[in-house]
């Protein structure tokens, strides 16, 4: 289910949070399209926090701390990475308004980044929205093998430690299926979402920097 946002310029961060609480999120047709449209999928992707699967090879990479993992230090760098062309993706839906809206949410503490760094360079990461005990994953990117996957493992560790109950992935991809992502009907999702936004959680229950070994303990791997 989608709806064109004819009054997109009236959207504020507060309106955006209310939309998330109702199970709706915005997208754009392309980076050059100044308008947004609202999306409410009939089937919603989630990544169960108590059923998160870490492949053995990836667990070794996480444990070896191949990347330095940081939290909330470079929103602009992460969204630039998510908007950059990648294999199989020559264009992005992240337009100027998406950048501005989520940048405002970041300043308000409702948008977070998990970043992977190597030799002083940002090489992967993800960003998403936190509301109550729900976290809505928006996008991720990787300039090096496993960089975004390591960020995802650290995100799940942080969410589990902080008492989150719902990790929304919007849609399910082959990439996310490897970690246990699945689809649920909109009605089921709405019930989970309603309960999650009424509960509190702490994104900073873990220190901003934790080792891969500690992250794996929190995800049960």
C-alpha atoms as a PDB file:
ATOM      1  CA  UNK A   1       0.000   0.000   0.000  1.00  0.00           C
ATOM      2  CA  UNK A   2       1.460   3.347  -1.005  1.00  0.00           C
ATOM      3  CA  UNK A   3       0.295   6.924  -1.102  1.00  0.00           C
ATOM      4  CA  UNK A   4       1.806   9.929  -2.833  1.00  0.00           C
ATOM      5  CA  UNK A   5       2.641  12.675  -0.407  1.00  0.00           C
ATOM      6  CA  UNK A   6       1.183  15.737  -2.138  1.00  0.00           C
ATOM      7  CA  UNK A   7       2.065  17.927   0.851  1.00  0.00           C
ATOM      8  CA  UNK A   8       5.499  16.439   1.414  1.00  0.00           C
ATOM      9  CA  UNK A   9       7.058  19.781   2.264  1.00  0.00           C
ATOM     10  CA  UNK A  10       4.876  19.933   5.399  1.00  0.00           C
ATOM     11  CA  UNK A  11       6.423  16.778   6.859  1.00  0.00           C
ATOM     12  CA  UNK A  12       8.308  17.430  10.091  1.00  0.00           C
ATOM     13  CA  UNK A  13      10.353  15.041  12.234  1.00  0.00           C
ATOM     14  CA  UNK A  14       7.375  14.858  14.620  1.00  0.00           C
ATOM     15  CA  UNK A  15       5.036  13.874  11.796  1.00  0.00           C
ATOM     16  CA  UNK A  16       7.565  11.299  10.641  1.00  0.00           C
ATOM     17  CA  UNK A  17       7.706   9.687  14.095  1.00  0.00           C
ATOM     18  CA  UNK A  18       3.907   9.527  14.244  1.00  0.00           C
ATOM     19  CA  UNK A  19       3.939   7.822  10.859  1.00  0.00           C
ATOM     20  CA  UNK A  20       6.411   5.214  12.092  1.00  0.00           C
ATOM     21  CA  UNK A  21       4.217   4.587  15.128  1.00  0.00           C
ATOM     22  CA  UNK A  22       1.370   3.826  12.691  1.00  0.00           C
ATOM     23  CA  UNK A  23       3.478   1.468  10.565  1.00  0.00           C
ATOM     24  CA  UNK A  24       4.081   3.883   7.694  1.00  0.00           C
ATOM     25  CA  UNK A  25       7.415   5.084   6.311  1.00  0.00           C
ATOM     26  CA  UNK A  26       8.437   7.452   3.487  1.00  0.00           C
ATOM     27  CA  UNK A  27      10.394   6.796   0.318  1.00  0.00           C
ATOM     28  CA  UNK A  28      11.253   8.710  -2.846  1.00  0.00           C
ATOM     29  CA  UNK A  29      11.264   7.509  -6.433  1.00  0.00           C
ATOM     30  CA  UNK A  30      14.854   8.636  -6.910  1.00  0.00           C
ATOM     31  CA  UNK A  31      17.507  10.947  -5.537  1.00  0.00           C
ATOM     32  CA  UNK A  32      16.359  13.617  -7.978  1.00  0.00           C
ATOM     33  CA  UNK A  33      12.662  13.418  -7.076  1.00  0.00           C
ATOM     34  CA  UNK A  34      11.817  16.187  -4.551  1.00  0.00           C
ATOM     35  CA  UNK A  35       8.618  14.480  -3.343  1.00  0.00           C
ATOM     36  CA  UNK A  36       8.024  11.554  -1.015  1.00  0.00           C
ATOM     37  CA  UNK A  37       5.420   8.827  -0.895  1.00  0.00           C
ATOM     38  CA  UNK A  38       4.175   6.850   2.070  1.00  0.00           C
ATOM     39  CA  UNK A  39       4.556   3.079   2.165  1.00  0.00           C
ATOM     40  CA  UNK A  40       2.610   0.559   4.263  1.00  0.00           C
ATOM     41  CA  UNK A  41       3.425  -2.954   3.001  1.00  0.00           C
ATOM     42  CA  UNK A  42       0.845  -5.718   3.239  1.00  0.00           C
ATOM     43  CA  UNK A  43       3.688  -7.965   4.405  1.00  0.00           C
ATOM     44  CA  UNK A  44       6.334  -6.493   6.668  1.00  0.00           C
ATOM     45  CA  UNK A  45       9.909  -7.641   7.092  1.00  0.00           C
ATOM     46  CA  UNK A  46      11.192  -8.142  10.620  1.00  0.00           C
ATOM     47  CA  UNK A  47      14.360  -9.612  12.067  1.00  0.00           C
ATOM     48  CA  UNK A  48      13.454 -11.438  15.288  1.00  0.00           C
ATOM     49  CA  UNK A  49      15.883 -10.324  17.965  1.00  0.00           C
ATOM     50  CA  UNK A  50      15.628 -13.665  19.766  1.00  0.00           C
ATOM     51  CA  UNK A  51      16.186 -15.619  16.556  1.00  0.00           C
ATOM     52  CA  UNK A  52      19.076 -13.724  14.998  1.00  0.00           C
ATOM     53  CA  UNK A  53      21.482 -16.050  13.180  1.00  0.00           C
ATOM     54  CA  UNK A  54      25.161 -15.261  12.690  1.00  0.00           C
ATOM     55  CA  UNK A  55      26.914 -17.444  10.086  1.00  0.00           C
ATOM     56  CA  UNK A  56      30.094 -19.055  11.403  1.00  0.00           C
ATOM     57  CA  UNK A  57      32.430 -17.286   9.002  1.00  0.00           C
ATOM     58  CA  UNK A  58      30.936 -13.917   9.861  1.00  0.00           C
ATOM     59  CA  UNK A  59      31.181 -14.705  13.575  1.00  0.00           C
ATOM     60  CA  UNK A  60      34.922 -15.207  13.138  1.00  0.00           C
ATOM     61  CA  UNK A  61      35.213 -11.830  11.409  1.00  0.00           C
ATOM     62  CA  UNK A  62      33.248 -10.132  14.188  1.00  0.00           C
ATOM     63  CA  UNK A  63      35.312 -11.838  16.888  1.00  0.00           C
ATOM     64  CA  UNK A  64      38.592 -10.780  15.258  1.00  0.00           C
ATOM     65  CA  UNK A  65      37.549  -7.096  15.321  1.00  0.00           C
ATOM     66  CA  UNK A  66      38.564  -6.670  11.688  1.00  0.00           C
ATOM     67  CA  UNK A  67      36.712  -3.341  11.723  1.00  0.00           C
ATOM     68  CA  UNK A  68      36.475  -0.632  14.337  1.00  0.00           C
ATOM     69  CA  UNK A  69      32.788  -0.246  15.143  1.00  0.00           C
ATOM     70  CA  UNK A  70      31.489   3.172  16.155  1.00  0.00           C
ATOM     71  CA  UNK A  71      28.024   4.456  16.985  1.00  0.00           C
ATOM     72  CA  UNK A  72      26.502   7.807  16.010  1.00  0.00           C
ATOM     73  CA  UNK A  73      29.731   9.509  14.935  1.00  0.00           C
ATOM     74  CA  UNK A  74      29.073  10.123  11.222  1.00  0.00           C
ATOM     75  CA  UNK A  75      25.454  10.375  10.147  1.00  0.00           C
ATOM     76  CA  UNK A  76      26.370  12.228   6.958  1.00  0.00           C
ATOM     77  CA  UNK A  77      28.986   9.635   6.074  1.00  0.00           C
ATOM     78  CA  UNK A  78      26.576   6.751   6.584  1.00  0.00           C
ATOM     79  CA  UNK A  79      23.746   8.272   4.575  1.00  0.00           C
ATOM     80  CA  UNK A  80      26.233   9.145   1.815  1.00  0.00           C
ATOM     81  CA  UNK A  81      27.339   5.518   1.783  1.00  0.00           C
ATOM     82  CA  UNK A  82      23.755   4.263   1.671  1.00  0.00           C
ATOM     83  CA  UNK A  83      23.011   6.594  -1.241  1.00  0.00           C
ATOM     84  CA  UNK A  84      26.103   5.635  -3.244  1.00  0.00           C
ATOM     85  CA  UNK A  85      25.820   3.334  -6.288  1.00  0.00           C
ATOM     86  CA  UNK A  86      26.542  -0.307  -5.519  1.00  0.00           C
ATOM     87  CA  UNK A  87      26.639  -3.590  -7.467  1.00  0.00           C
ATOM     88  CA  UNK A  88      23.097  -4.220  -8.651  1.00  0.00           C
ATOM     89  CA  UNK A  89      21.986  -0.719  -7.613  1.00  0.00           C
ATOM     90  CA  UNK A  90      22.760   2.207  -9.866  1.00  0.00           C
ATOM     91  CA  UNK A  91      20.318   4.651  -8.279  1.00  0.00           C
ATOM     92  CA  UNK A  92      19.008   5.386  -4.806  1.00  0.00           C
ATOM     93  CA  UNK A  93      15.735   6.471  -3.226  1.00  0.00           C
ATOM     94  CA  UNK A  94      17.575   8.735  -0.765  1.00  0.00           C
ATOM     95  CA  UNK A  95      16.803  12.260  -1.913  1.00  0.00           C
ATOM     96  CA  UNK A  96      17.530  15.646  -0.350  1.00  0.00           C
ATOM     97  CA  UNK A  97      14.377  15.604   1.774  1.00  0.00           C
ATOM     98  CA  UNK A  98      15.149  12.140   3.157  1.00  0.00           C
ATOM     99  CA  UNK A  99      18.615  13.361   4.113  1.00  0.00           C
ATOM    100  CA  UNK A 100      17.198  16.440   5.844  1.00  0.00           C
ATOM    101  CA  UNK A 101      14.402  14.641   7.693  1.00  0.00           C
ATOM    102  CA  UNK A 102      16.559  11.837   9.038  1.00  0.00           C
ATOM    103  CA  UNK A 103      19.318  14.304   9.826  1.00  0.00           C
ATOM    104  CA  UNK A 104      16.813  16.140  12.036  1.00  0.00           C
ATOM    105  CA  UNK A 105      15.813  12.847  13.676  1.00  0.00           C
ATOM    106  CA  UNK A 106      19.501  12.159  14.307  1.00  0.00           C
ATOM    107  CA  UNK A 107      19.857  15.513  16.079  1.00  0.00           C
ATOM    108  CA  UNK A 108      16.772  14.673  18.165  1.00  0.00           C
ATOM    109  CA  UNK A 109      18.228  11.291  19.171  1.00  0.00           C
ATOM    110  CA  UNK A 110      15.678   9.200  17.267  1.00  0.00           C
ATOM    111  CA  UNK A 111      17.963   8.199  14.398  1.00  0.00           C
ATOM    112  CA  UNK A 112      21.123   6.181  14.990  1.00  0.00           C
ATOM    113  CA  UNK A 113      24.064   4.908  12.987  1.00  0.00           C
ATOM    114  CA  UNK A 114      26.283   1.882  13.483  1.00  0.00           C
ATOM    115  CA  UNK A 115      29.504   2.355  11.533  1.00  0.00           C
ATOM    116  CA  UNK A 116      32.424   0.150  10.535  1.00  0.00           C
ATOM    117  CA  UNK A 117      35.806   1.809  10.050  1.00  0.00           C
ATOM    118  CA  UNK A 118      39.153   0.589   8.730  1.00  0.00           C
ATOM    119  CA  UNK A 119      42.392   2.557   8.706  1.00  0.00           C
ATOM    120  CA  UNK A 120      40.485   5.729   9.525  1.00  0.00           C
ATOM    121  CA  UNK A 121      37.996   5.308   6.671  1.00  0.00           C
ATOM    122  CA  UNK A 122      34.262   4.678   6.938  1.00  0.00           C
ATOM    123  CA  UNK A 123      33.782   1.435   4.994  1.00  0.00           C
ATOM    124  CA  UNK A 124      30.306   0.286   5.986  1.00  0.00           C
ATOM    125  CA  UNK A 125      27.362   0.848   8.235  1.00  0.00           C
ATOM    126  CA  UNK A 126      23.652   1.334   8.642  1.00  0.00           C
ATOM    127  CA  UNK A 127      21.125   3.772  10.002  1.00  0.00           C
ATOM    128  CA  UNK A 128      17.632   3.509  11.421  1.00  0.00           C
ATOM    129  CA  UNK A 129      14.979   5.061  13.611  1.00  0.00           C
ATOM    130  CA  UNK A 130      14.400   4.318  17.286  1.00  0.00           C
ATOM    131  CA  UNK A 131      10.946   4.749  18.810  1.00  0.00           C
ATOM    132  CA  UNK A 132      10.021   3.154  22.111  1.00  0.00           C
ATOM    133  CA  UNK A 133      11.370  -0.396  21.985  1.00  0.00           C
ATOM    134  CA  UNK A 134      11.131  -0.555  18.195  1.00  0.00           C
ATOM    135  CA  UNK A 135      14.024   0.012  15.815  1.00  0.00           C
ATOM    136  CA  UNK A 136      13.281   0.602  12.137  1.00  0.00           C
ATOM    137  CA  UNK A 137      16.222  -0.315   9.937  1.00  0.00           C
ATOM    138  CA  UNK A 138      16.396   2.063   6.988  1.00  0.00           C
ATOM    139  CA  UNK A 139      19.441   1.286   4.864  1.00  0.00           C
ATOM    140  CA  UNK A 140      22.926  -0.174   4.993  1.00  0.00           C
ATOM    141  CA  UNK A 141      26.032  -0.065   2.832  1.00  0.00           C
ATOM    142  CA  UNK A 142      29.378  -1.761   2.480  1.00  0.00           C
ATOM    143  CA  UNK A 143      32.557  -0.729   0.690  1.00  0.00           C
ATOM    144  CA  UNK A 144      34.460  -3.770   2.017  1.00  0.00           C
ATOM    145  CA  UNK A 145      33.507  -7.410   2.438  1.00  0.00           C
ATOM    146  CA  UNK A 146      31.355  -7.987   5.539  1.00  0.00           C
ATOM    147  CA  UNK A 147      31.481  -4.344   6.649  1.00  0.00           C
ATOM    148  CA  UNK A 148      27.690  -3.899   6.744  1.00  0.00           C
ATOM    149  CA  UNK A 149      27.158  -7.395   8.158  1.00  0.00           C
ATOM    150  CA  UNK A 150      29.445  -6.653  11.094  1.00  0.00           C
ATOM    151  CA  UNK A 151      27.491  -3.434  11.703  1.00  0.00           C
ATOM    152  CA  UNK A 152      24.257  -5.444  11.739  1.00  0.00           C
ATOM    153  CA  UNK A 153      25.619  -7.876  14.330  1.00  0.00           C
ATOM    154  CA  UNK A 154      26.637  -4.975  16.545  1.00  0.00           C
ATOM    155  CA  UNK A 155      23.227  -3.354  16.059  1.00  0.00           C
ATOM    156  CA  UNK A 156      21.387  -6.487  17.169  1.00  0.00           C
ATOM    157  CA  UNK A 157      23.677  -6.810  20.195  1.00  0.00           C
ATOM    158  CA  UNK A 158      22.898  -3.210  21.136  1.00  0.00           C
ATOM    159  CA  UNK A 159      19.162  -3.699  20.694  1.00  0.00           C
ATOM    160  CA  UNK A 160      19.110  -6.861  22.766  1.00  0.00           C
ATOM    161  CA  UNK A 161      21.136  -5.240  25.526  1.00  0.00           C
ATOM    162  CA  UNK A 162      18.888  -2.178  25.471  1.00  0.00           C
ATOM    163  CA  UNK A 163      15.598  -4.025  25.818  1.00  0.00           C
ATOM    164  CA  UNK A 164      14.265  -3.535  22.299  1.00  0.00           C
ATOM    165  CA  UNK A 165      11.460  -5.866  21.229  1.00  0.00           C
ATOM    166  CA  UNK A 166      11.074  -5.175  17.497  1.00  0.00           C
ATOM    167  CA  UNK A 167      13.582  -4.825  14.654  1.00  0.00           C
ATOM    168  CA  UNK A 168      11.727  -3.758  11.512  1.00  0.00           C
ATOM    169  CA  UNK A 169      13.506  -4.320   8.184  1.00  0.00           C
ATOM    170  CA  UNK A 170      10.597  -3.009   6.057  1.00  0.00           C
ATOM    171  CA  UNK A 171      11.156  -5.682   3.405  1.00  0.00           C
ATOM    172  CA  UNK A 172      12.943  -9.035   3.346  1.00  0.00           C
ATOM    173  CA  UNK A 173      15.921  -9.556   1.043  1.00  0.00           C
ATOM    174  CA  UNK A 174      18.048 -12.641   0.401  1.00  0.00           C
ATOM    175  CA  UNK A 175      20.795 -10.869   2.333  1.00  0.00           C
ATOM    176  CA  UNK A 176      18.615 -10.483   5.447  1.00  0.00           C
ATOM    177  CA  UNK A 177      17.121 -13.961   5.176  1.00  0.00           C
ATOM    178  CA  UNK A 178      20.530 -15.400   6.065  1.00  0.00           C
ATOM    179  CA  UNK A 179      20.203 -13.716   9.453  1.00  0.00           C
ATOM    180  CA  UNK A 180      16.691 -14.998  10.134  1.00  0.00           C
ATOM    181  CA  UNK A 181      14.551 -12.201   8.666  1.00  0.00           C
ATOM    182  CA  UNK A 182      10.970 -13.128   7.806  1.00  0.00           C
ATOM    183  CA  UNK A 183       7.730 -11.553   6.675  1.00  0.00           C
ATOM    184  CA  UNK A 184       4.636 -11.119   8.804  1.00  0.00           C
ATOM    185  CA  UNK A 185       1.182  -9.890   7.822  1.00  0.00           C
ATOM    186  CA  UNK A 186       0.367  -6.238   8.352  1.00  0.00           C
ATOM    187  CA  UNK A 187      -2.183  -7.077  11.072  1.00  0.00           C
ATOM    188  CA  UNK A 188       0.373  -9.087  13.056  1.00  0.00           C
ATOM    189  CA  UNK A 189       2.995  -6.398  12.580  1.00  0.00           C
ATOM    190  CA  UNK A 190       0.580  -3.700  13.785  1.00  0.00           C
ATOM    191  CA  UNK A 191       0.037  -5.540  17.070  1.00  0.00           C
ATOM    192  CA  UNK A 192       3.770  -5.974  17.625  1.00  0.00           C
ATOM    193  CA  UNK A 193       4.398  -2.331  16.746  1.00  0.00           C
ATOM    194  CA  UNK A 194       1.680  -1.017  19.047  1.00  0.00           C
ATOM    195  CA  UNK A 195       3.185  -2.908  21.979  1.00  0.00           C
ATOM    196  CA  UNK A 196       6.758  -1.893  21.110  1.00  0.00           C
ATOM    197  CA  UNK A 197       6.210   1.862  20.844  1.00  0.00           C
ATOM    198  CA  UNK A 198       4.597   1.884  24.288  1.00  0.00           C
ATOM    199  CA  UNK A 199       7.685   0.392  25.928  1.00  0.00           C
ATOM    200  CA  UNK A 200      11.005   2.066  26.623  1.00  0.00           C
ATOM    201  CA  UNK A 201      14.450   0.916  25.508  1.00  0.00           C
ATOM    202  CA  UNK A 202      17.993   2.235  25.740  1.00  0.00           C
ATOM    203  CA  UNK A 203      20.139   2.364  22.604  1.00  0.00           C
ATOM    204  CA  UNK A 204      23.149   3.194  24.780  1.00  0.00           C
ATOM    205  CA  UNK A 205      22.776   0.337  27.260  1.00  0.00           C
ATOM    206  CA  UNK A 206      26.077  -0.848  25.819  1.00  0.00           C
ATOM    207  CA  UNK A 207      29.048   1.522  25.592  1.00  0.00           C
ATOM    208  CA  UNK A 208      29.405   3.250  22.244  1.00  0.00           C
ATOM    209  CA  UNK A 209      32.370   0.982  21.495  1.00  0.00           C
ATOM    210  CA  UNK A 210      32.285  -2.742  22.328  1.00  0.00           C
ATOM    211  CA  UNK A 211      34.417  -5.633  21.159  1.00  0.00           C
ATOM    212  CA  UNK A 212      33.211  -8.180  18.684  1.00  0.00           C
ATOM    213  CA  UNK A 213      33.406 -10.841  21.381  1.00  0.00           C
ATOM    214  CA  UNK A 214      31.024  -8.892  23.592  1.00  0.00           C
ATOM    215  CA  UNK A 215      28.642  -8.248  20.691  1.00  0.00           C
ATOM    216  CA  UNK A 216      28.514 -11.952  19.910  1.00  0.00           C
ATOM    217  CA  UNK A 217      27.703 -12.744  23.541  1.00  0.00           C
ATOM    218  CA  UNK A 218      24.728 -10.429  23.392  1.00  0.00           C
ATOM    219  CA  UNK A 219      23.374 -12.012  20.206  1.00  0.00           C
ATOM    220  CA  UNK A 220      23.959 -15.506  21.576  1.00  0.00           C
ATOM    221  CA  UNK A 221      26.496 -16.526  18.954  1.00  0.00           C
END
